[in-house]
Amino acid sequence: MAKLLIQAETKTALAQEIRRVTGSEVLKVEEDGHTVYLALRRAGLTTAVVLTCTPLSRPMPDGENLAVKLEGEAENPAAARASRALTDLLTPAGLLFTPEGDWRARCAQWQARVHRAQGGDTLLGEYPDAVGYVGYNEIGKKAFEQDARRFLRQVRKLLGWPGEVTFNPSGVASSGDVYLHLTPPTGTGGVMIDVSAEGGFQPGGCSPSGVGLRWTLTPGEGQDRWAPAYRNRWARWTTTATQLADEIRAAQADAFPELKSA
């Protein structure tokens, strides 16, 4: 591990400085909040380097404005969110002299999670620089909104009920809430799902970035909104869209046995 003080205002400038310091060719750069992943080629071999970048409150006398912690793959750094586009550039671990396999395996697990989340099957639940909650973090907030929207659209597709996905952005200190409100053709036993990344206590458990899932059946006209059937329910953030849709159908069937689930 190396710790550096450098001067860099852009991703390109950062890559150039790392190239100068390490004597390596920079093939690819990826940003994940204050974490930067690089594929570096030197002496015919390509390996990854993970940078943790912390802006200085004021530049140093020689202009350095960024504190950087540099870790190679063999150090198995905690951050392991490099994309497949980056890891595919790396020299196969069997041709290297150090144990890069552990870090690359963790990247592969992350890449699989991203793939499932992009299809709406699950929530990704982790966003740039969002530890415990999403607040005062514009990039993380946008990533959360997109993630939750994909997931709720998939739930809507699986249920086959009409309704809209909406977003209440709230203030800068909050993640906001992404909602799905569906009403089946029967008009009875609809559902409202709320996905937020506020952290704190959630009976279903929160993701590393504080994402929680709450849902409730909604009453039709003239029905008692305080009936037990309409209580709040929580699901684990790892619940798949299919599992959540199945839970909602089962709850509707229990609450309204006289109806056929739409």
Foldseek 3Di string as FASTA:
>chain_A
DDKDFAADDDPVRVQVVVCVVVVWDWDDWDDFAQKIKTWTDDPRFTFIKIKRWDFDPDADPVRGGIMIDIDTLLVLDPDQQDEPVRVVVGDPCVVDDGPNPVSVVVNVVLNVLVVCLVQLFAASQDGRPQFQFQALHVRRLVSNQVSVQNNVVLLCVVLVFDWDWDWDPPDRGFSTWIWTWGAHPVQAFTKIKIWGQGGDDDPQDHGRNRIWIKMFTQGGPPDDCPDPLGDIDTHHNGHTSVNVSVVSLVSRCVVCVVDDRD
